[in-house]
Amino acid sequence: MTTAYSALLGLALPVTGELSGSWGDTVNDYITAYLDAAVAGTQLISGSQTAVTLTVTNGAALTQAAGTSAGSAQYNIIRCSGNPASLLTITAPAASKSYLVINATSTSQDVKLVGAGPTTGVTIGAGSSAICTWNGSDFIKVSGSGGATGGGADQIFYENGQTVNTNYTITAGNNAGTFGPVSVAGGVTVTVPSGSVWSIV
């Protein structure tokens, strides 16, 4: 029997096939599956719950928070597509980790990612997505994209010669403040709201 591979990254699962028994289940299957999830896996949150806690899963299969209040923190992407009645708060371990958070809630609720502790965390507006990372004491946004509703202009992209307005306002849920002034001819100057992190392309 030939070696089987993980679905996302094609990583070999040596515990199966011709390598079965070489290293053992824990070293082979679990570590490979966890690496797969950490690089390209998605934690699904699709229920009506308004609070989800993600913890580090050890020695067992990774778990999804779809329809439940608990899941595994190892996933790289957090996709929220449920129907919460109010703000959806996701609590993750207060440790070095980055997440791509996608807020596709059907009830257009904000999603808040906080570290266990608790911490202030960051808010991702309805219809928006953002890359969030742990900075040593809290989760912060390092990039984002505005959505059709509630997301605002989280990140601005410029192309050479593009005509742009002189000011950009960020909504309260996405680091309130105003961009400006902007001059394409002489370069781009942006005033960033206090406490936020932005990238300009």
N, C-alpha and C. Protein backbone atom coordinates (compact mmCIF):
# COMPACT_ATOMS: atom_id res chain seq x y z
N MET A 1 0.85 -1.19 0.00
CA MET A 1 0.00 0.00 0.00
C MET A 1 0.89 1.24 0.00
N THR A 2 0.55 2.23 -0.82
CA THR A 2 1.35 3.44 -0.90
C THR A 2 0.97 4.42 0.21
N THR A 3 1.83 5.38 0.45
CA THR A 3 1.61 6.38 1.49
C THR A 3 0.43 7.28 1.15
N ALA A 4 -0.39 7.60 2.14
CA ALA A 4 -1.49 8.56 1.96
C ALA A 4 -0.97 9.97 2.24
N TYR A 5 -1.70 10.97 1.74
CA TYR A 5 -1.26 12.36 1.88
C TYR A 5 -2.39 13.22 2.44
N SER A 6 -2.03 14.31 3.12
CA SER A 6 -3.03 15.22 3.68
C SER A 6 -3.76 15.95 2.56
N ALA A 7 -5.01 16.31 2.83
CA ALA A 7 -5.87 16.89 1.80
C ALA A 7 -5.44 18.30 1.38
N LEU A 8 -4.89 19.08 2.31
CA LEU A 8 -4.63 20.49 2.02
C LEU A 8 -3.28 20.77 1.39
N LEU A 9 -2.22 20.21 1.93
CA LEU A 9 -0.88 20.51 1.45
C LEU A 9 -0.18 19.32 0.82
N GLY A 10 -0.83 18.18 0.79
CA GLY A 10 -0.19 17.00 0.23
C GLY A 10 0.96 16.48 1.07
N LEU A 11 0.90 16.67 2.37
CA LEU A 11 1.95 16.19 3.27
C LEU A 11 1.79 14.69 3.49
N ALA A 12 2.90 13.96 3.46
CA ALA A 12 2.84 12.52 3.65
C ALA A 12 2.42 12.16 5.06
N LEU A 13 1.60 11.14 5.18
CA LEU A 13 1.19 10.60 6.47
C LEU A 13 1.88 9.26 6.63
N PRO A 14 3.12 9.28 7.14
CA PRO A 14 3.93 8.06 7.18
C PRO A 14 3.33 6.94 8.02
N VAL A 15 2.35 7.24 8.88
CA VAL A 15 1.77 6.19 9.71
C VAL A 15 0.96 5.22 8.86
N THR A 16 0.60 5.62 7.64
CA THR A 16 -0.17 4.74 6.76
C THR A 16 0.74 4.19 5.66
N GLY A 17 0.23 3.23 4.92
CA GLY A 17 0.96 2.70 3.78
C GLY A 17 2.25 2.01 4.16
N GLU A 18 3.25 2.12 3.29
CA GLU A 18 4.49 1.37 3.49
C GLU A 18 5.30 1.84 4.68
N LEU A 19 4.98 3.02 5.23
CA LEU A 19 5.71 3.52 6.40
C LEU A 19 4.98 3.22 7.70
N SER A 20 3.90 2.49 7.65
CA SER A 20 3.11 2.22 8.85
C SER A 20 3.97 1.60 9.95
N GLY A 21 3.87 2.18 11.15
CA GLY A 21 4.60 1.66 12.29
C GLY A 21 6.02 2.15 12.41
N SER A 22 6.50 2.92 11.43
CA SER A 22 7.89 3.39 11.47
C SER A 22 8.13 4.37 12.60
N TRP A 23 7.17 5.32 12.77
CA TRP A 23 7.36 6.36 13.79
C TRP A 23 6.25 6.38 14.83
N GLY A 24 5.12 5.82 14.51
CA GLY A 24 4.01 5.82 15.46
C GLY A 24 2.97 6.87 15.14
N ASP A 25 1.76 6.64 15.62
CA ASP A 25 0.63 7.52 15.31
C ASP A 25 0.84 8.96 15.74
N THR A 26 1.28 9.18 16.98
CA THR A 26 1.38 10.54 17.49
C THR A 26 2.37 11.37 16.70
N VAL A 27 3.55 10.83 16.45
CA VAL A 27 4.58 11.58 15.73
C VAL A 27 4.18 11.81 14.28
N ASN A 28 3.64 10.80 13.65
CA ASN A 28 3.33 10.88 12.22
C ASN A 28 2.01 11.58 11.92
N ASP A 29 0.93 10.91 12.24
CA ASP A 29 -0.38 11.35 11.80
C ASP A 29 -0.78 12.68 12.41
N TYR A 30 -0.66 12.81 13.74
CA TYR A 30 -1.11 14.03 14.38
C TYR A 30 -0.27 15.23 14.00
N ILE A 31 1.06 15.11 14.04
CA ILE A 31 1.90 16.25 13.72
C ILE A 31 1.68 16.69 12.28
N THR A 32 1.57 15.74 11.37
CA THR A 32 1.36 16.09 9.97
C THR A 32 0.01 16.78 9.78
N ALA A 33 -1.03 16.25 10.39
CA ALA A 33 -2.36 16.84 10.27
C ALA A 33 -2.39 18.23 10.90
N TYR A 34 -1.70 18.40 12.01
CA TYR A 34 -1.69 19.70 12.67
C TYR A 34 -0.95 20.74 11.85
N LEU A 35 0.17 20.35 11.23
CA LEU A 35 0.90 21.26 10.36
C LEU A 35 0.04 21.66 9.18
N ASP A 36 -0.69 20.72 8.65
CA ASP A 36 -1.60 20.99 7.54
C ASP A 36 -2.62 22.06 7.93
N ALA A 37 -3.22 21.91 9.10
CA ALA A 37 -4.23 22.87 9.57
C ALA A 37 -3.61 24.22 9.87
N ALA A 38 -2.40 24.23 10.44
CA ALA A 38 -1.76 25.49 10.83
C ALA A 38 -1.36 26.33 9.62
N VAL A 39 -1.07 25.68 8.51
CA VAL A 39 -0.65 26.41 7.32
C VAL A 39 -1.83 26.76 6.42
N ALA A 40 -2.78 25.84 6.25
CA ALA A 40 -3.84 26.05 5.27
C ALA A 40 -5.23 25.66 5.75
N GLY A 41 -5.39 25.34 7.02
CA GLY A 41 -6.69 24.88 7.50
C GLY A 41 -7.62 26.01 7.90
N THR A 42 -8.91 25.72 7.90
CA THR A 42 -9.94 26.71 8.25
C THR A 42 -10.76 26.21 9.43
N GLN A 43 -10.85 27.04 10.47
CA GLN A 43 -11.74 26.80 11.60
C GLN A 43 -13.09 27.41 11.23
N LEU A 44 -14.12 26.58 11.15
CA LEU A 44 -15.44 27.04 10.75
C LEU A 44 -16.29 27.38 11.97
N ILE A 45 -16.92 28.56 11.93
CA ILE A 45 -17.87 28.96 12.97
C ILE A 45 -19.16 29.30 12.24
N SER A 46 -20.11 28.38 12.29
CA SER A 46 -21.29 28.55 11.45
C SER A 46 -22.61 28.48 12.21
N GLY A 47 -22.57 28.48 13.52
CA GLY A 47 -23.81 28.39 14.29
C GLY A 47 -24.34 29.75 14.70
N SER A 48 -25.28 29.74 15.64
CA SER A 48 -25.89 30.98 16.15
C SER A 48 -25.22 31.45 17.43
N GLN A 49 -24.19 30.76 17.89
CA GLN A 49 -23.52 31.13 19.14
C GLN A 49 -22.85 32.51 19.02
N THR A 50 -22.74 33.22 20.14
CA THR A 50 -22.12 34.54 20.16
C THR A 50 -20.78 34.53 20.89
N ALA A 51 -20.36 33.38 21.40
CA ALA A 51 -19.07 33.25 22.09
C ALA A 51 -18.46 31.91 21.74
N VAL A 52 -17.22 31.94 21.24
CA VAL A 52 -16.50 30.73 20.88
C VAL A 52 -15.11 30.80 21.49
N THR A 53 -14.67 29.74 22.12
CA THR A 53 -13.33 29.67 22.69
C THR A 53 -12.51 28.64 21.93
N LEU A 54 -11.35 29.08 21.43
CA LEU A 54 -10.44 28.19 20.71
C LEU A 54 -9.27 27.86 21.63
N THR A 55 -8.99 26.58 21.79
CA THR A 55 -7.88 26.15 22.64
C THR A 55 -6.95 25.25 21.84
N VAL A 56 -5.73 25.10 22.32
CA VAL A 56 -4.76 24.24 21.66
C VAL A 56 -5.14 22.78 21.91
N THR A 57 -5.41 22.04 20.86
CA THR A 57 -5.77 20.64 20.96
C THR A 57 -4.51 19.80 21.00
N ASN A 58 -4.39 18.93 21.98
CA ASN A 58 -3.21 18.08 22.12
C ASN A 58 -3.62 16.61 22.18
N GLY A 59 -2.96 15.77 21.39
CA GLY A 59 -3.18 14.34 21.47
C GLY A 59 -4.53 13.85 21.04
N ALA A 60 -5.26 14.66 20.29
CA ALA A 60 -6.58 14.24 19.81
C ALA A 60 -6.84 14.94 18.49
N ALA A 61 -7.90 14.53 17.80
CA ALA A 61 -8.23 15.15 16.52
C ALA A 61 -8.60 16.61 16.71
N LEU A 62 -8.24 17.44 15.74
CA LEU A 62 -8.63 18.84 15.77
C LEU A 62 -10.14 18.95 15.72
N THR A 63 -10.69 19.98 16.39
CA THR A 63 -12.14 20.12 16.46
C THR A 63 -12.59 21.43 15.82
N GLN A 64 -13.80 21.42 15.28
CA GLN A 64 -14.41 22.58 14.65
C GLN A 64 -15.45 23.19 15.58
N ALA A 65 -15.59 24.53 15.49
CA ALA A 65 -16.57 25.22 16.33
C ALA A 65 -17.86 25.50 15.57
N ALA A 66 -18.08 24.79 14.47
CA ALA A 66 -19.32 24.95 13.72
C ALA A 66 -20.48 24.46 14.56
N GLY A 67 -21.30 25.40 15.04
CA GLY A 67 -22.46 25.03 15.85
C GLY A 67 -22.18 24.79 17.30
N THR A 68 -20.92 24.93 17.73
CA THR A 68 -20.57 24.72 19.13
C THR A 68 -19.83 25.94 19.66
N SER A 69 -19.51 25.93 20.95
CA SER A 69 -18.84 27.06 21.58
C SER A 69 -17.35 26.83 21.77
N ALA A 70 -16.81 25.74 21.21
CA ALA A 70 -15.39 25.44 21.40
C ALA A 70 -14.81 24.85 20.13
N GLY A 71 -13.51 25.12 19.90
CA GLY A 71 -12.83 24.58 18.74
C GLY A 71 -11.34 24.59 18.96
N SER A 72 -10.57 24.17 17.95
CA SER A 72 -9.12 24.12 18.04
C SER A 72 -8.50 25.43 17.54
N ALA A 73 -7.45 25.87 18.23
CA ALA A 73 -6.80 27.14 17.91
C ALA A 73 -5.72 27.02 16.86
N GLN A 74 -5.40 25.81 16.42
CA GLN A 74 -4.27 25.63 15.51
C GLN A 74 -4.55 26.05 14.07
N TYR A 75 -5.81 26.19 13.70
CA TYR A 75 -6.13 26.53 12.32
C TYR A 75 -5.59 27.90 11.93
N ASN A 76 -5.27 28.07 10.65
CA ASN A 76 -4.73 29.32 10.13
C ASN A 76 -5.82 30.34 9.83
N ILE A 77 -6.98 29.87 9.39
CA ILE A 77 -8.07 30.74 8.97
C ILE A 77 -9.26 30.51 9.88
N ILE A 78 -9.95 31.60 10.26
CA ILE A 78 -11.19 31.50 11.02
C ILE A 78 -12.29 32.09 10.14
N ARG A 79 -13.21 31.25 9.71
CA ARG A 79 -14.30 31.71 8.85
C ARG A 79 -15.61 31.69 9.63
N CYS A 80 -16.22 32.86 9.79
CA CYS A 80 -17.47 33.01 10.53
C CYS A 80 -18.60 33.20 9.53
N SER A 81 -19.45 32.21 9.40
CA SER A 81 -20.54 32.30 8.43
C SER A 81 -21.88 31.96 9.06
N GLY A 82 -21.94 32.01 10.37
CA GLY A 82 -23.17 31.65 11.07
C GLY A 82 -24.16 32.79 11.16
N ASN A 83 -25.10 32.67 12.09
CA ASN A 83 -26.16 33.66 12.25
C ASN A 83 -26.28 34.11 13.70
N PRO A 84 -25.18 34.67 14.28
CA PRO A 84 -25.26 35.13 15.67
C PRO A 84 -26.24 36.28 15.82
N ALA A 85 -26.89 36.37 17.00
CA ALA A 85 -27.87 37.42 17.25
C ALA A 85 -27.22 38.74 17.65
N SER A 86 -25.94 38.68 18.02
CA SER A 86 -25.22 39.90 18.43
C SER A 86 -23.74 39.69 18.14
N LEU A 87 -22.90 40.58 18.66
CA LEU A 87 -21.46 40.49 18.46
C LEU A 87 -20.96 39.07 18.73
N LEU A 88 -20.16 38.54 17.80
CA LEU A 88 -19.56 37.21 17.97
C LEU A 88 -18.15 37.40 18.50
N THR A 89 -17.89 36.94 19.73
CA THR A 89 -16.57 37.07 20.34
C THR A 89 -15.84 35.73 20.27
N ILE A 90 -14.65 35.77 19.68
CA ILE A 90 -13.81 34.58 19.57
C ILE A 90 -12.62 34.77 20.49
N THR A 91 -12.45 33.87 21.44
CA THR A 91 -11.33 33.93 22.38
C THR A 91 -10.30 32.87 21.98
N ALA A 92 -9.08 33.34 21.71
CA ALA A 92 -7.99 32.46 21.31
C ALA A 92 -6.90 32.51 22.36
N PRO A 93 -6.00 31.54 22.38
CA PRO A 93 -4.90 31.58 23.35
C PRO A 93 -4.09 32.87 23.22
N ALA A 94 -3.67 33.42 24.35
CA ALA A 94 -2.84 34.63 24.36
C ALA A 94 -1.40 34.21 24.11
N ALA A 95 -1.11 33.90 22.85
CA ALA A 95 0.20 33.39 22.49
C ALA A 95 0.49 33.76 21.04
N SER A 96 1.77 33.66 20.66
CA SER A 96 2.19 34.03 19.32
C SER A 96 1.45 33.24 18.25
N LYS A 97 0.61 33.94 17.47
CA LYS A 97 -0.19 33.29 16.43
C LYS A 97 -0.82 34.36 15.56
N SER A 98 -0.93 34.08 14.28
CA SER A 98 -1.64 34.96 13.36
C SER A 98 -2.84 34.21 12.79
N TYR A 99 -3.92 34.95 12.55
CA TYR A 99 -5.13 34.38 11.96
C TYR A 99 -5.62 35.27 10.83
N LEU A 100 -6.15 34.65 9.78
CA LEU A 100 -6.95 35.36 8.80
C LEU A 100 -8.39 35.16 9.22
N VAL A 101 -9.06 36.25 9.64
CA VAL A 101 -10.43 36.17 10.12
C VAL A 101 -11.35 36.68 9.03
N ILE A 102 -12.30 35.85 8.62
CA ILE A 102 -13.27 36.20 7.59
C ILE A 102 -14.64 36.32 8.25
N ASN A 103 -15.21 37.52 8.18
CA ASN A 103 -16.53 37.74 8.78
C ASN A 103 -17.59 37.70 7.68
N ALA A 104 -18.19 36.53 7.52
CA ALA A 104 -19.26 36.34 6.54
C ALA A 104 -20.55 35.97 7.26
N THR A 105 -20.77 36.54 8.44
CA THR A 105 -21.97 36.21 9.22
C THR A 105 -23.23 36.60 8.44
N SER A 106 -24.20 35.74 8.46
CA SER A 106 -25.43 35.99 7.69
C SER A 106 -26.31 37.06 8.32
N THR A 107 -26.07 37.36 9.61
CA THR A 107 -26.84 38.40 10.29
C THR A 107 -26.07 39.71 10.37
N SER A 108 -24.98 39.82 9.63
CA SER A 108 -24.18 41.05 9.53
C SER A 108 -23.71 41.57 10.88
N GLN A 109 -23.27 40.65 11.74
CA GLN A 109 -22.75 41.03 13.05
C GLN A 109 -21.24 41.23 12.98
N ASP A 110 -20.72 42.10 13.85
CA ASP A 110 -19.27 42.24 13.97
C ASP A 110 -18.70 40.99 14.64
N VAL A 111 -17.44 40.71 14.34
CA VAL A 111 -16.71 39.62 14.97
C VAL A 111 -15.54 40.23 15.73
N LYS A 112 -15.34 39.81 16.98
CA LYS A 112 -14.24 40.32 17.79
C LYS A 112 -13.32 39.18 18.18
N LEU A 113 -12.02 39.34 17.89
CA LEU A 113 -11.01 38.36 18.26
C LEU A 113 -10.25 38.88 19.47
N VAL A 114 -10.29 38.13 20.56
CA VAL A 114 -9.59 38.54 21.79
C VAL A 114 -8.70 37.40 22.26
N GLY A 115 -7.69 37.76 23.03
CA GLY A 115 -6.84 36.76 23.64
C GLY A 115 -7.36 36.36 25.00
N ALA A 116 -7.16 35.11 25.38
CA ALA A 116 -7.58 34.65 26.70
C ALA A 116 -6.88 35.49 27.74
N GLY A 117 -7.64 35.99 28.72
CA GLY A 117 -6.98 36.85 29.70
C GLY A 117 -7.89 37.71 30.54
N PRO A 118 -8.82 38.53 29.98
CA PRO A 118 -9.01 38.78 28.55
C PRO A 118 -8.16 39.95 28.06
N THR A 119 -8.26 40.26 26.78
CA THR A 119 -7.57 41.40 26.20
C THR A 119 -8.58 42.26 25.44
N THR A 120 -8.14 43.42 24.98
CA THR A 120 -9.02 44.31 24.22
C THR A 120 -9.41 43.68 22.89
N GLY A 121 -8.43 43.11 22.20
CA GLY A 121 -8.70 42.44 20.94
C GLY A 121 -8.97 43.39 19.79
N VAL A 122 -9.44 42.83 18.68
CA VAL A 122 -9.75 43.60 17.48
C VAL A 122 -11.12 43.22 16.96
N THR A 123 -11.77 44.17 16.28
CA THR A 123 -13.11 43.95 15.73
C THR A 123 -13.05 43.94 14.22
N ILE A 124 -13.69 42.95 13.62
CA ILE A 124 -13.77 42.83 12.18
C ILE A 124 -15.22 43.03 11.79
N GLY A 125 -15.49 44.07 11.01
CA GLY A 125 -16.85 44.42 10.64
C GLY A 125 -17.50 43.40 9.74
N ALA A 126 -18.82 43.44 9.65
CA ALA A 126 -19.57 42.51 8.81
C ALA A 126 -19.12 42.64 7.36
N GLY A 127 -18.91 41.52 6.71
CA GLY A 127 -18.48 41.53 5.32
C GLY A 127 -17.01 41.81 5.12
N SER A 128 -16.25 41.93 6.20
CA SER A 128 -14.83 42.24 6.12
C SER A 128 -13.98 41.03 6.46
N SER A 129 -12.71 41.13 6.13
CA SER A 129 -11.73 40.13 6.56
C SER A 129 -10.48 40.87 7.00
N ALA A 130 -9.69 40.24 7.86
CA ALA A 130 -8.48 40.89 8.37
C ALA A 130 -7.48 39.85 8.83
N ILE A 131 -6.22 40.15 8.62
CA ILE A 131 -5.15 39.35 9.21
C ILE A 131 -4.85 39.95 10.58
N CYS A 132 -4.97 39.13 11.60
CA CYS A 132 -4.75 39.57 12.97
C CYS A 132 -3.61 38.77 13.57
N THR A 133 -2.77 39.43 14.35
CA THR A 133 -1.63 38.74 14.96
C THR A 133 -1.47 39.13 16.41
N TRP A 134 -0.82 38.28 17.18
CA TRP A 134 -0.54 38.54 18.59
C TRP A 134 0.73 39.36 18.68
N ASN A 135 0.69 40.52 19.35
CA ASN A 135 1.86 41.40 19.41
C ASN A 135 2.62 41.28 20.73
N GLY A 136 2.31 40.27 21.52
CA GLY A 136 2.95 40.09 22.81
C GLY A 136 2.06 40.41 23.97
N SER A 137 1.02 41.22 23.71
CA SER A 137 0.08 41.55 24.78
C SER A 137 -1.38 41.60 24.32
N ASP A 138 -1.59 41.60 23.00
CA ASP A 138 -2.96 41.69 22.49
C ASP A 138 -2.96 41.30 21.01
N PHE A 139 -4.16 41.04 20.50
CA PHE A 139 -4.31 40.84 19.06
C PHE A 139 -4.46 42.20 18.39
N ILE A 140 -3.80 42.38 17.24
CA ILE A 140 -3.91 43.61 16.47
C ILE A 140 -4.15 43.25 15.01
N LYS A 141 -4.72 44.19 14.24
CA LYS A 141 -4.86 44.00 12.81
C LYS A 141 -3.55 44.39 12.14
N VAL A 142 -3.13 43.58 11.18
CA VAL A 142 -1.97 43.97 10.38
C VAL A 142 -2.37 44.21 8.93
N SER A 143 -3.58 43.84 8.54
CA SER A 143 -4.13 44.20 7.24
C SER A 143 -5.60 43.81 7.24
N GLY A 144 -6.32 44.33 6.26
CA GLY A 144 -7.73 44.00 6.18
C GLY A 144 -8.33 44.48 4.89
N SER A 145 -9.59 44.06 4.64
CA SER A 145 -10.30 44.49 3.44
C SER A 145 -11.72 44.85 3.83
N GLY A 146 -12.19 45.99 3.37
CA GLY A 146 -13.54 46.43 3.69
C GLY A 146 -14.58 45.58 3.01
N GLY A 147 -15.73 45.46 3.66
CA GLY A 147 -16.82 44.68 3.09
C GLY A 147 -17.92 45.56 2.57
N ALA A 148 -18.95 44.94 2.06
CA ALA A 148 -20.07 45.68 1.49
C ALA A 148 -20.85 46.41 2.56
N THR A 149 -20.92 45.84 3.76
CA THR A 149 -21.64 46.49 4.86
C THR A 149 -20.80 46.44 6.12
N GLY A 150 -20.63 47.57 6.75
CA GLY A 150 -20.02 47.62 8.07
C GLY A 150 -18.51 47.49 8.10
N GLY A 151 -17.91 47.12 6.98
CA GLY A 151 -16.48 46.88 7.00
C GLY A 151 -15.63 48.12 6.87
N GLY A 152 -16.11 49.09 6.09
CA GLY A 152 -15.32 50.29 5.88
C GLY A 152 -14.12 49.99 5.00
N ALA A 153 -13.30 51.02 4.76
CA ALA A 153 -12.10 50.86 3.93
C ALA A 153 -10.94 50.50 4.82
N ASP A 154 -10.82 49.24 5.18
CA ASP A 154 -9.78 48.81 6.11
C ASP A 154 -8.38 49.01 5.55
N GLN A 155 -8.23 48.84 4.24
CA GLN A 155 -6.92 48.95 3.63
C GLN A 155 -7.08 49.60 2.29
N ILE A 156 -6.13 50.47 1.93
CA ILE A 156 -6.21 51.20 0.67
C ILE A 156 -5.07 50.75 -0.23
N PHE A 157 -5.40 50.42 -1.49
CA PHE A 157 -4.39 50.02 -2.45
C PHE A 157 -4.29 51.09 -3.53
N TYR A 158 -3.08 51.47 -3.89
CA TYR A 158 -2.85 52.47 -4.92
C TYR A 158 -2.12 51.87 -6.09
N GLU A 159 -2.47 52.32 -7.30
CA GLU A 159 -1.73 51.97 -8.49
C GLU A 159 -1.10 53.24 -9.04
N ASN A 160 -0.01 53.09 -9.78
CA ASN A 160 0.65 54.26 -10.36
C ASN A 160 -0.32 55.06 -11.22
N GLY A 161 -0.38 56.39 -10.96
CA GLY A 161 -1.23 57.26 -11.74
C GLY A 161 -2.69 57.28 -11.34
N GLN A 162 -3.05 56.53 -10.31
CA GLN A 162 -4.45 56.47 -9.89
C GLN A 162 -4.85 57.77 -9.22
N THR A 163 -6.05 58.26 -9.53
CA THR A 163 -6.59 59.46 -8.88
C THR A 163 -7.32 59.04 -7.62
N VAL A 164 -6.99 59.67 -6.50
CA VAL A 164 -7.61 59.31 -5.23
C VAL A 164 -8.13 60.55 -4.53
N ASN A 165 -9.06 60.37 -3.61
CA ASN A 165 -9.56 61.48 -2.80
C ASN A 165 -8.51 61.87 -1.77
N THR A 166 -8.72 62.98 -1.09
CA THR A 166 -7.71 63.47 -0.15
C THR A 166 -7.88 62.93 1.25
N ASN A 167 -9.03 62.40 1.60
CA ASN A 167 -9.25 61.88 2.95
C ASN A 167 -10.03 60.59 2.92
N TYR A 168 -9.72 59.71 3.88
CA TYR A 168 -10.40 58.43 4.00
C TYR A 168 -10.80 58.23 5.46
N THR A 169 -12.04 57.91 5.69
CA THR A 169 -12.53 57.72 7.05
C THR A 169 -12.70 56.23 7.35
N ILE A 170 -12.21 55.81 8.50
CA ILE A 170 -12.33 54.43 8.95
C ILE A 170 -13.46 54.35 9.97
N THR A 171 -14.33 53.37 9.83
CA THR A 171 -15.49 53.28 10.72
C THR A 171 -15.08 52.91 12.15
N ALA A 172 -15.98 53.14 13.09
CA ALA A 172 -15.67 52.91 14.50
C ALA A 172 -15.24 51.48 14.78
N GLY A 173 -15.81 50.53 14.05
CA GLY A 173 -15.45 49.13 14.27
C GLY A 173 -14.13 48.74 13.65
N ASN A 174 -13.50 49.65 12.94
CA ASN A 174 -12.26 49.33 12.25
C ASN A 174 -11.21 50.42 12.47
N ASN A 175 -10.98 50.77 13.73
CA ASN A 175 -9.99 51.78 14.11
C ASN A 175 -10.38 53.16 13.61
N ALA A 176 -11.27 53.82 14.35
CA ALA A 176 -11.82 55.11 13.93
C ALA A 176 -10.72 56.14 13.67
N GLY A 177 -10.87 56.90 12.61
CA GLY A 177 -9.90 57.93 12.28
C GLY A 177 -10.03 58.34 10.84
N THR A 178 -9.20 59.28 10.40
CA THR A 178 -9.27 59.80 9.04
C THR A 178 -7.90 59.76 8.39
N PHE A 179 -7.86 59.27 7.15
CA PHE A 179 -6.64 59.32 6.37
C PHE A 179 -6.53 60.67 5.68
N GLY A 180 -5.32 61.17 5.55
CA GLY A 180 -5.12 62.39 4.79
C GLY A 180 -3.90 63.13 5.28
N PRO A 181 -3.33 64.06 4.49
CA PRO A 181 -3.67 64.24 3.07
C PRO A 181 -3.00 63.18 2.20
N VAL A 182 -3.48 63.03 0.97
CA VAL A 182 -2.90 62.09 0.04
C VAL A 182 -2.51 62.82 -1.24
N SER A 183 -1.28 62.63 -1.69
CA SER A 183 -0.80 63.25 -2.92
C SER A 183 -0.10 62.19 -3.75
N VAL A 184 -0.71 61.78 -4.86
CA VAL A 184 -0.12 60.75 -5.68
C VAL A 184 1.12 61.27 -6.40
N ALA A 185 1.04 62.50 -6.88
CA ALA A 185 2.14 63.06 -7.66
C ALA A 185 3.43 63.14 -6.84
N GLY A 186 3.29 63.51 -5.56
CA GLY A 186 4.48 63.66 -4.72
C GLY A 186 4.67 62.53 -3.75
N GLY A 187 4.03 61.39 -4.02
CA GLY A 187 4.09 60.29 -3.08
C GLY A 187 2.82 60.25 -2.26
N VAL A 188 2.69 59.26 -1.40
CA VAL A 188 1.49 59.08 -0.60
C VAL A 188 1.82 59.33 0.87
N THR A 189 1.09 60.24 1.49
CA THR A 189 1.25 60.53 2.91
C THR A 189 -0.04 60.17 3.63
N VAL A 190 0.08 59.36 4.64
CA VAL A 190 -1.10 58.89 5.36
C VAL A 190 -0.91 59.11 6.85
N THR A 191 -1.91 59.70 7.49
CA THR A 191 -1.92 59.81 8.95
C THR A 191 -2.74 58.64 9.50
N VAL A 192 -2.09 57.80 10.29
CA VAL A 192 -2.72 56.58 10.77
C VAL A 192 -3.31 56.80 12.15
N PRO A 193 -4.54 56.37 12.39
CA PRO A 193 -5.15 56.50 13.72
C PRO A 193 -4.29 55.84 14.78
N SER A 194 -4.25 56.45 15.96
CA SER A 194 -3.44 55.94 17.06
C SER A 194 -3.84 54.52 17.42
N GLY A 195 -2.83 53.67 17.61
CA GLY A 195 -3.06 52.31 18.06
C GLY A 195 -3.40 51.32 16.98
N SER A 196 -3.36 51.75 15.71
CA SER A 196 -3.70 50.84 14.62
C SER A 196 -2.48 50.58 13.76
N VAL A 197 -2.54 49.53 12.98
CA VAL A 197 -1.45 49.16 12.10
C VAL A 197 -2.01 49.02 10.69
N TRP A 198 -1.37 49.71 9.71
CA TRP A 198 -1.89 49.72 8.36
C TRP A 198 -0.77 49.52 7.36
N SER A 199 -1.10 48.97 6.21
CA SER A 199 -0.14 48.88 5.12
C SER A 199 -0.72 49.56 3.90
N ILE A 200 0.11 50.28 3.19
CA ILE A 200 -0.30 50.99 1.97
C ILE A 200 0.47 50.40 0.81
N VAL A 201 -0.24 50.03 -0.24
CA VAL A 201 0.40 49.48 -1.43
C VAL A 201 0.17 50.44 -2.59
